[in-house]
């Protein structure tokens, strides 16, 4: 998939609710995922974070700064604008936001 141009980003290693973990546990989850992605050959320059369940806290943001993440997306549904949101709290659209549920 990498060789065909698909990108892979960080979503933690075991997909926990980050705000229930302390700083060290969050750091472990994020670093372990980065290590796994690196073994796959993923380019980790300007890597991105997608919070599991949209859950994060101030420790998560400190860790992303420390590990030089480019940005992070939440599960908030909206257009991403750096004029309105910080680079570690960007909203996004999920594919489910575009489904016409009447025709399913």
PDB file of N, CA and C in Angstrom:
ATOM      1  N   UNK A   1       0.835  -1.184   0.000  1.00  0.00           N
ATOM      2  CA  UNK A   1       0.000   0.000   0.000  1.00  0.00           C
ATOM      3  C   UNK A   1       0.881   1.249   0.000  1.00  0.00           C
ATOM      4  N   UNK A   2       1.983   1.209   0.749  1.00  0.00           N
ATOM      5  CA  UNK A   2       2.902   2.348   0.746  1.00  0.00           C
ATOM      6  C   UNK A   2       3.441   2.611  -0.648  1.00  0.00           C
ATOM      7  N   UNK A   3       3.835   1.543  -1.329  1.00  0.00           N
ATOM      8  CA  UNK A   3       4.425   1.707  -2.659  1.00  0.00           C
ATOM      9  C   UNK A   3       3.428   2.251  -3.678  1.00  0.00           C
ATOM     10  N   UNK A   4       2.146   2.136  -3.394  1.00  0.00           N
ATOM     11  CA  UNK A   4       1.113   2.672  -4.275  1.00  0.00           C
ATOM     12  C   UNK A   4       0.659   4.075  -3.865  1.00  0.00           C
ATOM     13  N   UNK A   5       1.327   4.649  -2.846  1.00  0.00           N
ATOM     14  CA  UNK A   5       1.052   6.029  -2.471  1.00  0.00           C
ATOM     15  C   UNK A   5       0.115   6.244  -1.294  1.00  0.00           C
ATOM     16  N   UNK A   6      -0.322   5.164  -0.643  1.00  0.00           N
ATOM     17  CA  UNK A   6      -1.199   5.328   0.523  1.00  0.00           C
ATOM     18  C   UNK A   6      -0.373   5.838   1.695  1.00  0.00           C
ATOM     19  N   UNK A   7      -0.954   6.712   2.491  1.00  0.00           N
ATOM     20  CA  UNK A   7      -0.247   7.213   3.664  1.00  0.00           C
ATOM     21  C   UNK A   7      -0.777   6.546   4.925  1.00  0.00           C
ATOM     22  N   UNK A   8       0.092   6.428   5.908  1.00  0.00           N
ATOM     23  CA  UNK A   8      -0.248   5.861   7.208  1.00  0.00           C
ATOM     24  C   UNK A   8       0.187   6.863   8.264  1.00  0.00           C
ATOM     25  N   UNK A   9      -0.643   7.062   9.253  1.00  0.00           N
ATOM     26  CA  UNK A   9      -0.329   8.023  10.309  1.00  0.00           C
ATOM     27  C   UNK A   9      -0.565   7.390  11.676  1.00  0.00           C
ATOM     28  N   UNK A  10      -0.221   8.135  12.707  1.00  0.00           N
ATOM     29  CA  UNK A  10      -0.275   7.623  14.079  1.00  0.00           C
ATOM     30  C   UNK A  10      -1.694   7.667  14.642  1.00  0.00           C
ATOM     31  N   UNK A  11      -2.082   6.562  15.257  1.00  0.00           N
ATOM     32  CA  UNK A  11      -3.390   6.451  15.910  1.00  0.00           C
ATOM     33  C   UNK A  11      -3.215   5.748  17.257  1.00  0.00           C
ATOM     34  N   UNK A  12      -1.984   5.754  17.763  1.00  0.00           N
ATOM     35  CA  UNK A  12      -1.497   5.043  18.947  1.00  0.00           C
ATOM     36  C   UNK A  12      -1.311   3.565  18.630  1.00  0.00           C
ATOM     37  N   UNK A  13      -0.681   2.869  19.548  1.00  0.00           N
ATOM     38  CA  UNK A  13      -0.395   1.455  19.319  1.00  0.00           C
ATOM     39  C   UNK A  13      -1.567   0.550  19.651  1.00  0.00           C
ATOM     40  N   UNK A  14      -2.195   0.769  20.806  1.00  0.00           N
ATOM     41  CA  UNK A  14      -3.284  -0.140  21.196  1.00  0.00           C
ATOM     42  C   UNK A  14      -4.645   0.544  21.279  1.00  0.00           C
ATOM     43  N   UNK A  15      -4.730   1.772  20.760  1.00  0.00           N
ATOM     44  CA  UNK A  15      -5.998   2.466  20.610  1.00  0.00           C
ATOM     45  C   UNK A  15      -6.709   2.774  21.924  1.00  0.00           C
ATOM     46  N   UNK A  16      -5.991   3.323  22.921  1.00  0.00           N
ATOM     47  CA  UNK A  16      -6.641   3.620  24.202  1.00  0.00           C
ATOM     48  C   UNK A  16      -7.311   4.997  24.204  1.00  0.00           C
ATOM     49  N   UNK A  17      -8.126   5.234  25.186  1.00  0.00           N
ATOM     50  CA  UNK A  17      -8.646   6.571  25.471  1.00  0.00           C
ATOM     51  C   UNK A  17      -7.489   7.318  26.123  1.00  0.00           C
ATOM     52  N   UNK A  18      -6.885   8.237  25.424  1.00  0.00           N
ATOM     53  CA  UNK A  18      -5.663   8.878  25.899  1.00  0.00           C
ATOM     54  C   UNK A  18      -5.838   9.651  27.197  1.00  0.00           C
ATOM     55  N   UNK A  19      -6.969  10.294  27.384  1.00  0.00           N
ATOM     56  CA  UNK A  19      -7.141  11.110  28.587  1.00  0.00           C
ATOM     57  C   UNK A  19      -7.216  10.269  29.868  1.00  0.00           C
ATOM     58  N   UNK A  20      -7.352   8.964  29.731  1.00  0.00           N
ATOM     59  CA  UNK A  20      -7.350   8.074  30.897  1.00  0.00           C
ATOM     60  C   UNK A  20      -5.939   7.593  31.243  1.00  0.00           C
ATOM     61  N   UNK A  21      -4.968   7.952  30.413  1.00  0.00           N
ATOM     62  CA  UNK A  21      -3.579   7.549  30.640  1.00  0.00           C
ATOM     63  C   UNK A  21      -2.778   8.718  31.183  1.00  0.00           C
ATOM     64  N   UNK A  22      -1.754   8.417  31.969  1.00  0.00           N
ATOM     65  CA  UNK A  22      -0.869   9.490  32.410  1.00  0.00           C
ATOM     66  C   UNK A  22       0.105   9.840  31.283  1.00  0.00           C
ATOM     67  N   UNK A  23       0.922  10.849  31.518  1.00  0.00           N
ATOM     68  CA  UNK A  23       1.848  11.341  30.493  1.00  0.00           C
ATOM     69  C   UNK A  23       2.741  10.220  29.957  1.00  0.00           C
ATOM     70  N   UNK A  24       3.348   9.461  30.840  1.00  0.00           N
ATOM     71  CA  UNK A  24       4.277   8.401  30.431  1.00  0.00           C
ATOM     72  C   UNK A  24       3.579   7.312  29.617  1.00  0.00           C
ATOM     73  N   UNK A  25       2.368   6.960  30.008  1.00  0.00           N
ATOM     74  CA  UNK A  25       1.612   5.936  29.270  1.00  0.00           C
ATOM     75  C   UNK A  25       1.236   6.443  27.883  1.00  0.00           C
ATOM     76  N   UNK A  26       0.859   7.694  27.793  1.00  0.00           N
ATOM     77  CA  UNK A  26       0.544   8.274  26.480  1.00  0.00           C
ATOM     78  C   UNK A  26       1.790   8.304  25.597  1.00  0.00           C
ATOM     79  N   UNK A  27       2.897   8.746  26.177  1.00  0.00           N
ATOM     80  CA  UNK A  27       4.154   8.804  25.430  1.00  0.00           C
ATOM     81  C   UNK A  27       4.515   7.420  24.893  1.00  0.00           C
ATOM     82  N   UNK A  28       4.374   6.392  25.724  1.00  0.00           N
ATOM     83  CA  UNK A  28       4.656   5.023  25.303  1.00  0.00           C
ATOM     84  C   UNK A  28       3.778   4.627  24.111  1.00  0.00           C
ATOM     85  N   UNK A  29       2.485   4.867  24.214  1.00  0.00           N
ATOM     86  CA  UNK A  29       1.542   4.505  23.138  1.00  0.00           C
ATOM     87  C   UNK A  29       1.896   5.196  21.822  1.00  0.00           C
ATOM     88  N   UNK A  30       2.214   6.458  21.896  1.00  0.00           N
ATOM     89  CA  UNK A  30       2.501   7.226  20.679  1.00  0.00           C
ATOM     90  C   UNK A  30       3.858   6.827  20.099  1.00  0.00           C
ATOM     91  N   UNK A  31       4.865   6.684  20.955  1.00  0.00           N
ATOM     92  CA  UNK A  31       6.190   6.283  20.472  1.00  0.00           C
ATOM     93  C   UNK A  31       6.188   4.859  19.926  1.00  0.00           C
ATOM     94  N   UNK A  32       5.451   3.959  20.549  1.00  0.00           N
ATOM     95  CA  UNK A  32       5.393   2.568  20.061  1.00  0.00           C
ATOM     96  C   UNK A  32       4.742   2.528  18.676  1.00  0.00           C
ATOM     97  N   UNK A  33       3.730   3.330  18.477  1.00  0.00           N
ATOM     98  CA  UNK A  33       3.092   3.401  17.165  1.00  0.00           C
ATOM     99  C   UNK A  33       4.053   3.978  16.122  1.00  0.00           C
ATOM    100  N   UNK A  34       4.786   5.029  16.504  1.00  0.00           N
ATOM    101  CA  UNK A  34       5.764   5.611  15.578  1.00  0.00           C
ATOM    102  C   UNK A  34       6.838   4.592  15.207  1.00  0.00           C
ATOM    103  N   UNK A  35       7.276   3.808  16.174  1.00  0.00           N
ATOM    104  CA  UNK A  35       8.273   2.773  15.917  1.00  0.00           C
ATOM    105  C   UNK A  35       7.734   1.730  14.932  1.00  0.00           C
ATOM    106  N   UNK A  36       6.486   1.331  15.125  1.00  0.00           N
ATOM    107  CA  UNK A  36       5.854   0.368  14.216  1.00  0.00           C
ATOM    108  C   UNK A  36       5.754   0.948  12.803  1.00  0.00           C
ATOM    109  N   UNK A  37       5.322   2.203  12.706  1.00  0.00           N
ATOM    110  CA  UNK A  37       5.205   2.844  11.392  1.00  0.00           C
ATOM    111  C   UNK A  37       6.570   2.945  10.714  1.00  0.00           C
ATOM    112  N   UNK A  38       7.594   3.259  11.486  1.00  0.00           N
ATOM    113  CA  UNK A  38       8.948   3.351  10.937  1.00  0.00           C
ATOM    114  C   UNK A  38       9.395   2.001  10.379  1.00  0.00           C
ATOM    115  N   UNK A  39       9.091   0.900  11.101  1.00  0.00           N
ATOM    116  CA  UNK A  39       9.448  -0.444  10.617  1.00  0.00           C
ATOM    117  C   UNK A  39       8.751  -0.766   9.299  1.00  0.00           C
ATOM    118  N   UNK A  40       7.574  -0.198   9.098  1.00  0.00           N
ATOM    119  CA  UNK A  40       6.848  -0.409   7.844  1.00  0.00           C
ATOM    120  C   UNK A  40       7.422   0.409   6.691  1.00  0.00           C
ATOM    121  N   UNK A  41       8.280   1.376   7.038  1.00  0.00           N
ATOM    122  CA  UNK A  41       8.869   2.235   6.022  1.00  0.00           C
ATOM    123  C   UNK A  41       8.131   3.548   5.820  1.00  0.00           C
ATOM    124  N   UNK A  42       7.266   3.898   6.765  1.00  0.00           N
ATOM    125  CA  UNK A  42       6.515   5.143   6.675  1.00  0.00           C
ATOM    126  C   UNK A  42       7.461   6.322   6.908  1.00  0.00           C
ATOM    127  N   UNK A  43       7.351   7.344   6.071  1.00  0.00           N
ATOM    128  CA  UNK A  43       8.128   8.571   6.244  1.00  0.00           C
ATOM    129  C   UNK A  43       7.536   9.330   7.429  1.00  0.00           C
ATOM    130  N   UNK A  44       8.324   9.542   8.455  1.00  0.00           N
ATOM    131  CA  UNK A  44       7.828  10.187   9.663  1.00  0.00           C
ATOM    132  C   UNK A  44       8.157  11.675   9.732  1.00  0.00           C
ATOM    133  N   UNK A  45       8.532  12.275   8.609  1.00  0.00           N
ATOM    134  CA  UNK A  45       8.681  13.724   8.565  1.00  0.00           C
ATOM    135  C   UNK A  45       7.290  14.333   8.525  1.00  0.00           C
ATOM    136  N   UNK A  46       7.012  15.251   9.452  1.00  0.00           N
ATOM    137  CA  UNK A  46       5.696  15.896   9.538  1.00  0.00           C
ATOM    138  C   UNK A  46       4.567  14.887   9.718  1.00  0.00           C
ATOM    139  N   UNK A  47       4.774  13.913  10.580  1.00  0.00           N
ATOM    140  CA  UNK A  47       3.751  12.893  10.823  1.00  0.00           C
ATOM    141  C   UNK A  47       2.532  13.519  11.499  1.00  0.00           C
ATOM    142  N   UNK A  48       1.404  12.862  11.317  1.00  0.00           N
ATOM    143  CA  UNK A  48       0.125  13.344  11.818  1.00  0.00           C
ATOM    144  C   UNK A  48      -0.423  12.405  12.887  1.00  0.00           C
ATOM    145  N   UNK A  49      -1.300  12.952  13.722  1.00  0.00           N
ATOM    146  CA  UNK A  49      -1.942  12.167  14.775  1.00  0.00           C
ATOM    147  C   UNK A  49      -3.449  12.227  14.596  1.00  0.00           C
ATOM    148  N   UNK A  50      -4.081  11.095  14.737  1.00  0.00           N
ATOM    149  CA  UNK A  50      -5.537  11.016  14.763  1.00  0.00           C
ATOM    150  C   UNK A  50      -5.898  10.392  16.107  1.00  0.00           C
ATOM    151  N   UNK A  51      -6.510  11.186  16.974  1.00  0.00           N
ATOM    152  CA  UNK A  51      -6.790  10.724  18.332  1.00  0.00           C
ATOM    153  C   UNK A  51      -7.813   9.586  18.348  1.00  0.00           C
ATOM    154  N   UNK A  52      -7.483   8.470  19.006  1.00  0.00           N
ATOM    155  CA  UNK A  52      -8.484   7.413  19.144  1.00  0.00           C
ATOM    156  C   UNK A  52      -9.719   7.947  19.878  1.00  0.00           C
ATOM    157  N   UNK A  53     -10.851   7.723  19.308  1.00  0.00           N
ATOM    158  CA  UNK A  53     -12.140   8.172  19.860  1.00  0.00           C
ATOM    159  C   UNK A  53     -12.231   9.700  19.958  1.00  0.00           C
ATOM    160  N   UNK A  54     -11.282  10.413  19.356  1.00  0.00           N
ATOM    161  CA  UNK A  54     -11.246  11.859  19.462  1.00  0.00           C
ATOM    162  C   UNK A  54     -10.768  12.330  20.823  1.00  0.00           C
ATOM    163  N   UNK A  55     -10.203  11.433  21.615  1.00  0.00           N
ATOM    164  CA  UNK A  55      -9.868  11.713  23.009  1.00  0.00           C
ATOM    165  C   UNK A  55      -8.400  12.105  23.174  1.00  0.00           C
ATOM    166  N   UNK A  56      -8.181  13.223  23.847  1.00  0.00           N
ATOM    167  CA  UNK A  56      -6.834  13.712  24.131  1.00  0.00           C
ATOM    168  C   UNK A  56      -6.917  14.696  25.290  1.00  0.00           C
ATOM    169  N   UNK A  57      -5.754  15.128  25.773  1.00  0.00           N
ATOM    170  CA  UNK A  57      -5.710  16.151  26.806  1.00  0.00           C
ATOM    171  C   UNK A  57      -4.432  16.976  26.636  1.00  0.00           C
ATOM    172  N   UNK A  58      -4.137  17.843  27.604  1.00  0.00           N
ATOM    173  CA  UNK A  58      -2.974  18.724  27.478  1.00  0.00           C
ATOM    174  C   UNK A  58      -1.669  17.924  27.426  1.00  0.00           C
ATOM    175  N   UNK A  59      -1.608  16.785  28.115  1.00  0.00           N
ATOM    176  CA  UNK A  59      -0.420  15.941  28.042  1.00  0.00           C
ATOM    177  C   UNK A  59      -0.199  15.441  26.616  1.00  0.00           C
ATOM    178  N   UNK A  60      -1.259  15.044  25.958  1.00  0.00           N
ATOM    179  CA  UNK A  60      -1.152  14.551  24.582  1.00  0.00           C
ATOM    180  C   UNK A  60      -0.544  15.621  23.690  1.00  0.00           C
ATOM    181  N   UNK A  61      -1.031  16.833  23.825  1.00  0.00           N
ATOM    182  CA  UNK A  61      -0.529  17.932  22.996  1.00  0.00           C
ATOM    183  C   UNK A  61       0.938  18.211  23.306  1.00  0.00           C
ATOM    184  N   UNK A  62       1.333  18.156  24.580  1.00  0.00           N
ATOM    185  CA  UNK A  62       2.742  18.334  24.944  1.00  0.00           C
ATOM    186  C   UNK A  62       3.613  17.255  24.302  1.00  0.00           C
ATOM    187  N   UNK A  63       3.119  16.031  24.302  1.00  0.00           N
ATOM    188  CA  UNK A  63       3.865  14.921  23.696  1.00  0.00           C
ATOM    189  C   UNK A  63       3.999  15.134  22.192  1.00  0.00           C
ATOM    190  N   UNK A  64       2.934  15.541  21.535  1.00  0.00           N
ATOM    191  CA  UNK A  64       2.999  15.772  20.093  1.00  0.00           C
ATOM    192  C   UNK A  64       3.989  16.870  19.763  1.00  0.00           C
ATOM    193  N   UNK A  65       4.031  17.920  20.566  1.00  0.00           N
ATOM    194  CA  UNK A  65       5.040  18.972  20.378  1.00  0.00           C
ATOM    195  C   UNK A  65       6.445  18.403  20.551  1.00  0.00           C
ATOM    196  N   UNK A  66       6.643  17.635  21.616  1.00  0.00           N
ATOM    197  CA  UNK A  66       7.954  17.049  21.912  1.00  0.00           C
ATOM    198  C   UNK A  66       8.433  16.143  20.778  1.00  0.00           C
ATOM    199  N   UNK A  67       7.517  15.350  20.222  1.00  0.00           N
ATOM    200  CA  UNK A  67       7.877  14.387  19.176  1.00  0.00           C
ATOM    201  C   UNK A  67       7.772  14.972  17.769  1.00  0.00           C
ATOM    202  N   UNK A  68       7.525  16.275  17.693  1.00  0.00           N
ATOM    203  CA  UNK A  68       7.499  17.020  16.433  1.00  0.00           C
ATOM    204  C   UNK A  68       6.452  16.524  15.441  1.00  0.00           C
ATOM    205  N   UNK A  69       5.258  16.310  15.933  1.00  0.00           N
ATOM    206  CA  UNK A  69       4.140  15.991  15.048  1.00  0.00           C
ATOM    207  C   UNK A  69       3.788  17.239  14.236  1.00  0.00           C
ATOM    208  N   UNK A  70       3.279  17.034  13.029  1.00  0.00           N
ATOM    209  CA  UNK A  70       2.888  18.166  12.194  1.00  0.00           C
ATOM    210  C   UNK A  70       1.543  18.744  12.587  1.00  0.00           C
ATOM    211  N   UNK A  71       0.595  17.846  12.883  1.00  0.00           N
ATOM    212  CA  UNK A  71      -0.743  18.265  13.293  1.00  0.00           C
ATOM    213  C   UNK A  71      -1.507  17.071  13.806  1.00  0.00           C
ATOM    214  N   UNK A  72      -2.681  17.332  14.359  1.00  0.00           N
ATOM    215  CA  UNK A  72      -3.534  16.255  14.862  1.00  0.00           C
ATOM    216  C   UNK A  72      -4.982  16.588  14.572  1.00  0.00           C
ATOM    217  N   UNK A  73      -5.766  15.558  14.278  1.00  0.00           N
ATOM    218  CA  UNK A  73      -7.180  15.744  14.008  1.00  0.00           C
ATOM    219  C   UNK A  73      -8.024  15.106  15.101  1.00  0.00           C
ATOM    220  N   UNK A  74      -9.129  15.770  15.383  1.00  0.00           N
ATOM    221  CA  UNK A  74     -10.084  15.316  16.385  1.00  0.00           C
ATOM    222  C   UNK A  74     -11.250  14.633  15.670  1.00  0.00           C
ATOM    223  N   UNK A  75     -12.300  14.338  16.393  1.00  0.00           N
ATOM    224  CA  UNK A  75     -13.522  13.821  15.771  1.00  0.00           C
ATOM    225  C   UNK A  75     -14.584  14.917  15.659  1.00  0.00           C
ATOM    226  N   UNK A  76     -14.212  16.155  15.966  1.00  0.00           N
ATOM    227  CA  UNK A  76     -15.136  17.275  15.772  1.00  0.00           C
ATOM    228  C   UNK A  76     -15.385  17.426  14.279  1.00  0.00           C
ATOM    229  N   UNK A  77     -16.636  17.606  13.893  1.00  0.00           N
ATOM    230  CA  UNK A  77     -17.001  17.696  12.479  1.00  0.00           C
ATOM    231  C   UNK A  77     -17.098  19.165  12.075  1.00  0.00           C
ATOM    232  N   UNK A  78     -16.163  19.593  11.239  1.00  0.00           N
ATOM    233  CA  UNK A  78     -16.140  20.971  10.743  1.00  0.00           C
ATOM    234  C   UNK A  78     -14.993  21.103   9.749  1.00  0.00           C
ATOM    235  N   UNK A  79     -14.971  22.236   9.045  1.00  0.00           N
ATOM    236  CA  UNK A  79     -13.832  22.540   8.186  1.00  0.00           C
ATOM    237  C   UNK A  79     -12.634  22.861   9.061  1.00  0.00           C
ATOM    238  N   UNK A  80     -11.475  22.353   8.697  1.00  0.00           N
ATOM    239  CA  UNK A  80     -10.254  22.619   9.456  1.00  0.00           C
ATOM    240  C   UNK A  80      -9.691  23.971   9.040  1.00  0.00           C
ATOM    241  N   UNK A  81      -9.543  24.851   9.992  1.00  0.00           N
ATOM    242  CA  UNK A  81      -9.019  26.185   9.734  1.00  0.00           C
ATOM    243  C   UNK A  81      -8.059  26.552  10.856  1.00  0.00           C
ATOM    244  N   UNK A  82      -6.802  26.836  10.489  1.00  0.00           N
ATOM    245  CA  UNK A  82      -5.836  27.220  11.509  1.00  0.00           C
ATOM    246  C   UNK A  82      -6.143  28.587  12.099  1.00  0.00           C
ATOM    247  N   UNK A  83      -7.037  29.342  11.455  1.00  0.00           N
ATOM    248  CA  UNK A  83      -7.473  30.611  12.028  1.00  0.00           C
ATOM    249  C   UNK A  83      -8.412  30.375  13.214  1.00  0.00           C
ATOM    250  N   UNK A  84      -9.077  29.225  13.241  1.00  0.00           N
ATOM    251  CA  UNK A  84     -10.039  28.910  14.296  1.00  0.00           C
ATOM    252  C   UNK A  84      -9.542  27.872  15.294  1.00  0.00           C
ATOM    253  N   UNK A  85      -8.652  26.985  14.867  1.00  0.00           N
ATOM    254  CA  UNK A  85      -8.223  25.856  15.695  1.00  0.00           C
ATOM    255  C   UNK A  85      -6.703  25.786  15.737  1.00  0.00           C
ATOM    256  N   UNK A  86      -6.158  25.202  16.808  1.00  0.00           N
ATOM    257  CA  UNK A  86      -4.719  24.962  16.853  1.00  0.00           C
ATOM    258  C   UNK A  86      -4.389  23.766  15.968  1.00  0.00           C
ATOM    259  N   UNK A  87      -3.128  23.620  15.626  1.00  0.00           N
ATOM    260  CA  UNK A  87      -2.730  22.529  14.727  1.00  0.00           C
ATOM    261  C   UNK A  87      -2.886  21.151  15.363  1.00  0.00           C
ATOM    262  N   UNK A  88      -3.071  21.069  16.687  1.00  0.00           N
ATOM    263  CA  UNK A  88      -3.266  19.781  17.347  1.00  0.00           C
ATOM    264  C   UNK A  88      -4.709  19.549  17.773  1.00  0.00           C
ATOM    265  N   UNK A  89      -5.637  20.398  17.293  1.00  0.00           N
ATOM    266  CA  UNK A  89      -7.054  20.236  17.631  1.00  0.00           C
ATOM    267  C   UNK A  89      -7.937  20.502  16.419  1.00  0.00           C
ATOM    268  N   UNK A  90      -7.484  20.044  15.265  1.00  0.00           N
ATOM    269  CA  UNK A  90      -8.217  20.298  14.032  1.00  0.00           C
ATOM    270  C   UNK A  90      -9.445  19.389  13.901  1.00  0.00           C
ATOM    271  N   UNK A  91     -10.562  19.957  13.486  1.00  0.00           N
ATOM    272  CA  UNK A  91     -11.730  19.124  13.192  1.00  0.00           C
ATOM    273  C   UNK A  91     -11.534  18.458  11.835  1.00  0.00           C
ATOM    274  N   UNK A  92     -12.424  17.565  11.480  1.00  0.00           N
ATOM    275  CA  UNK A  92     -12.330  16.879  10.187  1.00  0.00           C
ATOM    276  C   UNK A  92     -13.689  16.331   9.818  1.00  0.00           C
ATOM    277  N   UNK A  93     -13.761  15.811   8.628  1.00  0.00           N
ATOM    278  CA  UNK A  93     -14.947  15.092   8.178  1.00  0.00           C
ATOM    279  C   UNK A  93     -14.591  13.621   8.078  1.00  0.00           C
ATOM    280  N   UNK A  94     -15.466  12.784   8.538  1.00  0.00           N
ATOM    281  CA  UNK A  94     -15.329  11.340   8.413  1.00  0.00           C
ATOM    282  C   UNK A  94     -16.097  10.922   7.165  1.00  0.00           C
ATOM    283  N   UNK A  95     -15.749   9.795   6.593  1.00  0.00           N
ATOM    284  CA  UNK A  95     -16.488   9.330   5.419  1.00  0.00           C
ATOM    285  C   UNK A  95     -17.976   9.166   5.720  1.00  0.00           C
ATOM    286  N   UNK A  96     -18.315   8.824   6.955  1.00  0.00           N
ATOM    287  CA  UNK A  96     -19.724   8.679   7.328  1.00  0.00           C
ATOM    288  C   UNK A  96     -20.488   9.994   7.279  1.00  0.00           C
ATOM    289  N   UNK A  97     -19.773  11.110   7.311  1.00  0.00           N
ATOM    290  CA  UNK A  97     -20.427  12.410   7.229  1.00  0.00           C
ATOM    291  C   UNK A  97     -20.954  12.704   5.827  1.00  0.00           C
ATOM    292  N   UNK A  98     -20.581  11.889   4.857  1.00  0.00           N
ATOM    293  CA  UNK A  98     -20.994  12.109   3.472  1.00  0.00           C
ATOM    294  C   UNK A  98     -21.955  11.044   2.943  1.00  0.00           C
ATOM    295  N   UNK A  99     -22.362  10.115   3.791  1.00  0.00           N
ATOM    296  CA  UNK A  99     -23.258   9.049   3.364  1.00  0.00           C
ATOM    297  C   UNK A  99     -24.703   9.527   3.375  1.00  0.00           C
ATOM    298  N   UNK A 100     -25.409   9.196   2.324  1.00  0.00           N
ATOM    299  CA  UNK A 100     -26.838   9.477   2.289  1.00  0.00           C
ATOM    300  C   UNK A 100     -27.543   8.304   2.947  1.00  0.00           C
ATOM    301  N   UNK A 101     -27.842   8.432   4.227  1.00  0.00           N
ATOM    302  CA  UNK A 101     -28.401   7.325   5.002  1.00  0.00           C
ATOM    303  C   UNK A 101     -29.795   6.920   4.520  1.00  0.00           C
ATOM    304  N   UNK A 102     -30.476   7.738   3.772  1.00  0.00           N
ATOM    305  CA  UNK A 102     -31.813   7.413   3.276  1.00  0.00           C
ATOM    306  C   UNK A 102     -31.743   6.306   2.239  1.00  0.00           C
ATOM    307  N   UNK A 103     -30.611   6.196   1.548  1.00  0.00           N
ATOM    308  CA  UNK A 103     -30.479   5.220   0.458  1.00  0.00           C
ATOM    309  C   UNK A 103     -29.690   3.992   0.836  1.00  0.00           C
ATOM    310  N   UNK A 104     -29.506   3.759   2.116  1.00  0.00           N
ATOM    311  CA  UNK A 104     -28.752   2.570   2.541  1.00  0.00           C
ATOM    312  C   UNK A 104     -29.706   1.426   2.779  1.00  0.00           C
TER     313      UNK A 104
END
